[in-house]
Amino acid sequence: MTVVIITRNRCGELLHVLGRMTSVPEGPRVIVMDNGSTDGTASAVAEAFPGVEVTALRDNLGAVARNLAVERVTTPYVAFCDDDTWWEPGSLARAADHLDAHPTVASVTALIRVEPDGTEDPITPELRHSPVPGPDGLPGPALLGILAGASMLRVSAFREAGGFSERLGFGGEEELLSLDLAAAGWWLCWTEDVVVHHAASTVRDPRSRRRRGIRNTLWTAWLRRPGLDAVRRTGTLLRSVPRDAASAAAVAEAVRGLPWVLRERRPVPARVAFGLRLLEDSQRRSPARRYVG
């Protein structure tokens, strides 16, 4: 497998993650895509970890930087992590073993443990008890979404689905890719024996992140959900977001994108839409899906 990390202006946190990822027993190739950092990230990585491949991009390409990295990948699997997440020793091998054993599975998403206490991420119950129906013999519960900072993907499936959308940038960008994988017939799974640790970065703009997340959730619903499902998803989302300027800006930006959304709209097959409807109740109740900040 190959490990791909995207980063921007989090040099100290990235160096900590690289210390972890370059010491795992699997010894993977590690590619870092620096999204236009101004804090000397690329040079610091090159000096501290000469075996890591780092590319300093001129602009912030968001999640699309992962696509550029995957173009260079020659292994069958790619594990993504962020500059504040790292894979537990042995977990990369277990994820790859699952993908080896299940050729119809496109992704394995890990159990996330939140630092410093190692508690399970709040999204865990939603994944562990996923109601999405799947065939017998999958390595874990079937999903209709991945977590980009904690998932290993089959490179051929990732490329087939087109990778991360240039339209969405960063923030909830995984949902559209996940639905395209599922629509193409791939299975997405969560497994408890694969573990990723998350030490949430303090270097972030929560309002900007929320704005992008709301916008991208609306765009994904309008792009891929059948008509009535898209309307229902829109209503649920709008009722759940804070009533403030950031939310209003997100909705306005989403509405401005309607011309291209309608041109590119491609609803998922009925079996995927059925799975999405099954997920609505658990997602509505999940503490991990609150738009805050």
Protein backbone atom coordinates (compact mmCIF):
# COMPACT_ATOMS: atom_id res chain seq x y z
CA MET A 1 0.00 0.00 0.00
CA THR A 2 0.91 3.68 -0.34
CA VAL A 3 0.02 6.35 2.23
CA VAL A 4 -1.15 9.77 0.98
CA ILE A 5 -1.37 12.81 3.27
CA ILE A 6 -2.60 16.28 2.33
CA THR A 7 -1.68 19.26 4.47
CA ARG A 8 -1.73 23.02 4.69
CA ASN A 9 0.03 25.20 7.29
CA ARG A 10 0.19 22.54 10.00
CA CYS A 11 3.89 21.82 9.91
CA GLY A 12 4.30 20.74 13.53
CA GLU A 13 1.31 18.42 13.50
CA LEU A 14 2.32 16.93 10.16
CA LEU A 15 5.83 16.15 11.41
CA HIS A 16 4.30 14.29 14.35
CA VAL A 17 2.08 12.25 12.00
CA LEU A 18 5.03 11.48 9.74
CA GLY A 19 7.00 10.26 12.73
CA ARG A 20 4.20 7.78 13.33
CA MET A 21 3.66 6.77 9.70
CA THR A 22 7.33 6.24 8.88
CA SER A 23 7.76 3.91 11.85
CA VAL A 24 4.89 1.47 11.20
CA PRO A 25 6.07 -2.08 10.46
CA GLU A 26 4.51 -2.12 6.98
CA GLY A 27 7.04 0.46 5.78
CA PRO A 28 4.74 2.04 3.16
CA ARG A 29 5.71 4.61 0.61
CA VAL A 30 4.50 7.96 1.96
CA ILE A 31 3.44 10.85 -0.28
CA VAL A 32 2.72 14.31 1.16
CA MET A 33 0.87 16.90 -0.90
CA ASP A 34 1.38 20.38 0.56
CA ASN A 35 -1.56 22.59 -0.41
CA GLY A 36 0.26 25.90 -0.73
CA SER A 37 1.55 26.17 2.85
CA THR A 38 3.31 29.37 3.90
CA ASP A 39 4.91 27.95 7.06
CA GLY A 40 7.83 26.09 5.46
CA THR A 41 6.09 22.70 5.56
CA ALA A 42 7.67 21.22 2.44
CA SER A 43 11.26 22.10 3.38
CA ALA A 44 10.73 20.89 6.97
CA VAL A 45 9.44 17.54 5.74
CA ALA A 46 12.30 17.14 3.28
CA GLU A 47 14.83 17.82 6.02
CA ALA A 48 13.27 15.68 8.76
CA PHE A 49 12.02 12.80 6.58
CA PRO A 50 14.14 12.46 3.44
CA GLY A 51 12.40 9.18 2.56
CA VAL A 52 8.99 10.88 2.33
CA GLU A 53 7.95 12.24 -1.06
CA VAL A 54 6.68 15.78 -0.59
CA THR A 55 5.25 18.03 -3.29
CA ALA A 56 4.76 21.74 -2.64
CA LEU A 57 1.72 22.85 -4.63
CA ARG A 58 1.48 26.52 -5.52
CA ASP A 59 -2.24 26.72 -4.74
CA ASN A 60 -4.58 25.14 -2.22
CA LEU A 61 -6.29 22.38 -4.21
CA GLY A 62 -8.06 20.88 -1.22
CA ALA A 63 -8.96 17.20 -1.57
CA VAL A 64 -8.04 17.24 -5.27
CA ALA A 65 -4.41 17.09 -4.14
CA ARG A 66 -5.12 13.48 -3.20
CA ASN A 67 -6.03 12.77 -6.83
CA LEU A 68 -2.65 14.08 -7.97
CA ALA A 69 -0.92 11.83 -5.47
CA VAL A 70 -2.89 8.76 -6.53
CA GLU A 71 -1.76 9.36 -10.12
CA ARG A 72 1.73 8.39 -8.89
CA VAL A 73 0.66 5.38 -6.86
CA THR A 74 1.87 2.02 -8.21
CA THR A 75 0.53 -0.18 -5.40
CA PRO A 76 -2.98 -1.70 -5.53
CA TYR A 77 -4.13 0.17 -2.40
CA VAL A 78 -3.86 3.72 -1.09
CA ALA A 79 -4.38 4.68 2.54
CA PHE A 80 -5.38 8.27 3.20
CA CYS A 81 -4.70 10.11 6.39
CA ASP A 82 -4.74 13.75 7.34
CA ASP A 83 -2.07 15.82 9.05
CA ASP A 84 -3.77 15.08 12.38
CA THR A 85 -4.51 11.35 11.93
CA TRP A 86 -2.27 8.29 11.84
CA TRP A 87 -2.68 4.54 11.36
CA GLU A 88 -1.96 2.23 14.28
CA PRO A 89 0.94 -0.21 13.64
CA GLY A 90 -0.38 -3.29 11.84
CA SER A 91 -3.63 -1.67 10.73
CA LEU A 92 -2.42 -0.92 7.22
CA ALA A 93 -1.61 -4.59 6.72
CA ARG A 94 -4.99 -5.70 8.09
CA ALA A 95 -6.84 -3.26 5.82
CA ALA A 96 -4.87 -4.51 2.80
CA ASP A 97 -5.60 -8.12 3.81
CA HIS A 98 -9.33 -7.34 3.84
CA LEU A 99 -9.12 -5.82 0.37
CA ASP A 100 -7.09 -8.81 -0.87
CA ALA A 101 -9.73 -11.20 0.44
CA HIS A 102 -12.74 -9.25 -0.87
CA PRO A 103 -12.28 -8.14 -4.49
CA THR A 104 -15.68 -6.40 -4.62
CA VAL A 105 -14.80 -4.11 -1.70
CA ALA A 106 -13.44 -0.68 -2.68
CA SER A 107 -12.71 0.74 0.75
CA VAL A 108 -12.02 -0.19 4.34
CA THR A 109 -12.70 2.54 6.89
CA ALA A 110 -11.02 2.28 10.28
CA LEU A 111 -12.21 2.54 13.84
CA ILE A 112 -11.13 6.04 14.90
CA ARG A 113 -9.74 6.61 18.39
CA VAL A 114 -9.64 10.22 19.56
CA GLU A 115 -6.52 11.42 21.34
CA PRO A 116 -5.36 11.93 24.02
CA ASP A 117 -7.63 9.38 25.72
CA GLY A 118 -8.10 6.91 22.88
CA THR A 119 -11.89 7.06 23.13
CA GLU A 120 -13.96 6.00 20.14
CA ASP A 121 -14.93 8.79 17.77
CA PRO A 122 -18.61 9.83 18.16
CA ILE A 123 -19.36 8.57 14.66
CA THR A 124 -18.43 4.99 15.63
CA PRO A 125 -21.91 3.73 16.63
CA GLU A 126 -23.29 4.95 13.31
CA LEU A 127 -20.67 2.90 11.44
CA ARG A 128 -20.69 -0.15 13.70
CA HIS A 129 -24.47 -0.49 13.43
CA SER A 130 -24.87 0.59 9.82
CA PRO A 131 -28.24 -0.59 8.43
CA VAL A 132 -26.99 -0.68 4.83
CA PRO A 133 -27.69 -4.19 3.46
CA GLY A 134 -24.73 -6.05 2.03
CA PRO A 135 -23.82 -9.56 0.94
CA ASP A 136 -22.69 -12.18 3.43
CA GLY A 137 -18.96 -12.38 4.02
CA LEU A 138 -18.02 -8.70 3.93
CA PRO A 139 -15.19 -7.83 6.35
CA GLY A 140 -17.52 -5.55 8.31
CA PRO A 141 -20.73 -3.52 8.10
CA ALA A 142 -21.55 -2.10 4.67
CA LEU A 143 -21.41 1.69 4.40
CA LEU A 144 -22.35 4.35 1.89
CA GLY A 145 -19.57 6.70 2.92
CA ILE A 146 -15.89 6.75 3.70
CA LEU A 147 -13.86 8.93 6.05
CA ALA A 148 -11.00 10.22 3.94
CA GLY A 149 -8.63 10.64 6.88
CA ALA A 150 -9.12 7.05 7.99
CA SER A 151 -9.74 4.83 4.95
CA MET A 152 -7.81 2.57 2.61
CA LEU A 153 -9.10 2.38 -0.95
CA ARG A 154 -8.57 0.13 -3.90
CA VAL A 155 -6.67 2.31 -6.37
CA SER A 156 -8.44 0.91 -9.43
CA ALA A 157 -11.85 1.71 -7.92
CA PHE A 158 -10.75 5.20 -6.89
CA ARG A 159 -9.57 5.97 -10.40
CA GLU A 160 -12.68 4.44 -11.96
CA ALA A 161 -14.88 6.73 -9.85
CA GLY A 162 -12.84 9.80 -10.80
CA GLY A 163 -11.43 10.56 -7.36
CA PHE A 164 -12.46 13.62 -5.38
CA SER A 165 -14.50 16.30 -7.13
CA GLU A 166 -12.80 19.53 -8.15
CA ARG A 167 -16.11 21.29 -7.51
CA LEU A 168 -16.30 20.40 -3.83
CA GLY A 169 -12.77 21.21 -2.73
CA PHE A 170 -12.44 20.22 0.93
CA GLY A 171 -15.08 19.57 3.58
CA GLY A 172 -17.50 16.66 3.29
CA GLU A 173 -15.93 15.81 -0.05
CA GLU A 174 -16.00 12.07 0.66
CA GLU A 175 -19.76 11.65 0.26
CA LEU A 176 -19.89 12.25 -3.49
CA LEU A 177 -16.98 9.89 -4.17
CA SER A 178 -18.56 7.26 -1.91
CA LEU A 179 -21.88 7.39 -3.74
CA ASP A 180 -20.15 7.11 -7.09
CA LEU A 181 -18.25 4.04 -5.88
CA ALA A 182 -21.47 2.45 -4.60
CA ALA A 183 -23.32 3.32 -7.81
CA ALA A 184 -20.59 1.53 -9.77
CA GLY A 185 -21.21 -1.64 -7.75
CA TRP A 186 -18.40 -1.41 -5.21
CA TRP A 187 -18.87 -2.17 -1.50
CA LEU A 188 -17.61 0.15 1.23
CA CYS A 189 -16.97 -1.33 4.68
CA TRP A 190 -16.03 -0.45 8.24
CA THR A 191 -13.87 -2.83 10.28
CA GLU A 192 -13.12 -2.79 13.96
CA ASP A 193 -9.70 -4.43 13.69
CA VAL A 194 -8.28 -1.52 11.68
CA VAL A 195 -7.52 1.52 13.86
CA VAL A 196 -6.67 5.14 13.10
CA HIS A 197 -5.87 7.74 15.77
CA HIS A 198 -7.09 11.34 15.54
CA ALA A 199 -5.58 14.25 17.44
CA ALA A 200 -7.89 17.02 16.23
CA SER A 201 -5.92 20.00 14.99
CA THR A 202 -6.35 23.31 16.74
CA VAL A 203 -5.26 25.10 13.57
CA ARG A 204 -8.53 25.41 11.72
CA ASP A 205 -11.25 27.87 10.79
CA PRO A 206 -14.43 26.15 12.04
CA ARG A 207 -16.84 28.60 10.39
CA SER A 208 -15.24 28.24 6.99
CA ARG A 209 -15.16 24.48 7.42
CA ARG A 210 -18.86 24.46 8.36
CA ARG A 211 -19.76 26.65 5.39
CA ARG A 212 -18.05 24.28 2.98
CA GLY A 213 -19.56 21.23 4.67
CA ILE A 214 -23.12 22.53 4.39
CA ARG A 215 -22.62 23.60 0.79
CA ASN A 216 -21.08 20.28 -0.22
CA THR A 217 -23.78 18.26 1.55
CA LEU A 218 -26.45 20.15 -0.38
CA TRP A 219 -24.62 19.78 -3.67
CA THR A 220 -24.14 16.04 -3.15
CA ALA A 221 -27.82 15.57 -2.31
CA TRP A 222 -28.88 17.47 -5.40
CA LEU A 223 -26.34 15.70 -7.63
CA ARG A 224 -27.01 12.11 -6.60
CA ARG A 225 -30.27 11.61 -4.67
CA PRO A 226 -33.58 10.95 -6.44
CA GLY A 227 -35.90 13.97 -6.53
CA LEU A 228 -38.04 13.46 -3.41
CA ASP A 229 -35.07 12.13 -1.43
CA ALA A 230 -33.06 15.22 -2.38
CA VAL A 231 -35.88 17.49 -1.22
CA ARG A 232 -36.19 15.62 2.08
CA ARG A 233 -32.43 15.66 2.65
CA THR A 234 -32.35 19.40 1.96
CA GLY A 235 -35.12 20.07 4.47
CA THR A 236 -33.46 17.94 7.16
CA LEU A 237 -30.16 19.71 6.69
CA LEU A 238 -31.62 23.21 6.73
CA ARG A 239 -33.51 22.48 9.94
CA SER A 240 -30.32 21.26 11.63
CA VAL A 241 -27.85 24.06 10.87
CA PRO A 242 -27.24 27.14 13.05
CA ARG A 243 -29.17 30.21 11.98
CA ASP A 244 -26.24 32.49 11.30
CA ALA A 245 -24.25 34.20 8.54
CA ALA A 246 -22.02 31.20 7.86
CA SER A 247 -24.98 28.90 7.24
CA ALA A 248 -26.71 31.52 5.09
CA ALA A 249 -23.54 31.95 3.01
CA ALA A 250 -23.30 28.17 2.56
CA VAL A 251 -26.87 27.90 1.30
CA ALA A 252 -26.44 30.91 -1.00
CA GLU A 253 -23.28 29.41 -2.49
CA ALA A 254 -25.03 26.07 -2.99
CA VAL A 255 -27.93 27.78 -4.77
CA ARG A 256 -25.54 29.68 -7.03
CA GLY A 257 -24.14 26.31 -8.11
CA LEU A 258 -27.52 24.98 -9.23
CA PRO A 259 -26.88 25.50 -12.98
CA TRP A 260 -23.87 23.17 -13.03
CA VAL A 261 -25.48 20.82 -10.49
CA LEU A 262 -28.50 20.31 -12.73
CA ARG A 263 -26.23 19.78 -15.76
CA GLU A 264 -24.17 17.15 -13.95
CA ARG A 265 -26.94 15.55 -11.91
CA ARG A 266 -26.84 11.75 -12.04
CA PRO A 267 -29.08 10.05 -9.44
CA VAL A 268 -27.78 6.85 -7.88
CA PRO A 269 -29.41 3.47 -8.64
CA ALA A 270 -32.46 2.44 -6.62
CA ARG A 271 -30.52 0.03 -4.37
CA VAL A 272 -28.12 2.84 -3.32
CA ALA A 273 -30.99 5.28 -2.79
CA PHE A 274 -32.68 2.67 -0.58
CA GLY A 275 -29.54 2.39 1.53
CA LEU A 276 -29.37 6.16 1.89
CA ARG A 277 -32.95 6.23 3.15
CA LEU A 278 -32.11 3.54 5.72
CA LEU A 279 -29.28 5.74 6.99
CA GLU A 280 -31.36 8.86 7.49
CA ASP A 281 -32.57 8.12 11.01
CA SER A 282 -29.15 7.21 12.42
CA GLN A 283 -27.55 10.21 10.74
CA ARG A 284 -30.22 12.53 12.10
CA ARG A 285 -29.56 11.28 15.65
CA SER A 286 -25.77 11.07 15.35
CA PRO A 287 -23.79 13.47 17.60
CA ALA A 288 -21.03 13.39 15.00
CA ARG A 289 -23.15 15.20 12.40
CA ARG A 290 -23.78 18.49 14.14
CA TYR A 291 -22.89 21.59 12.15
CA VAL A 292 -21.06 23.67 14.75
CA GLY A 293 -18.32 26.29 14.85
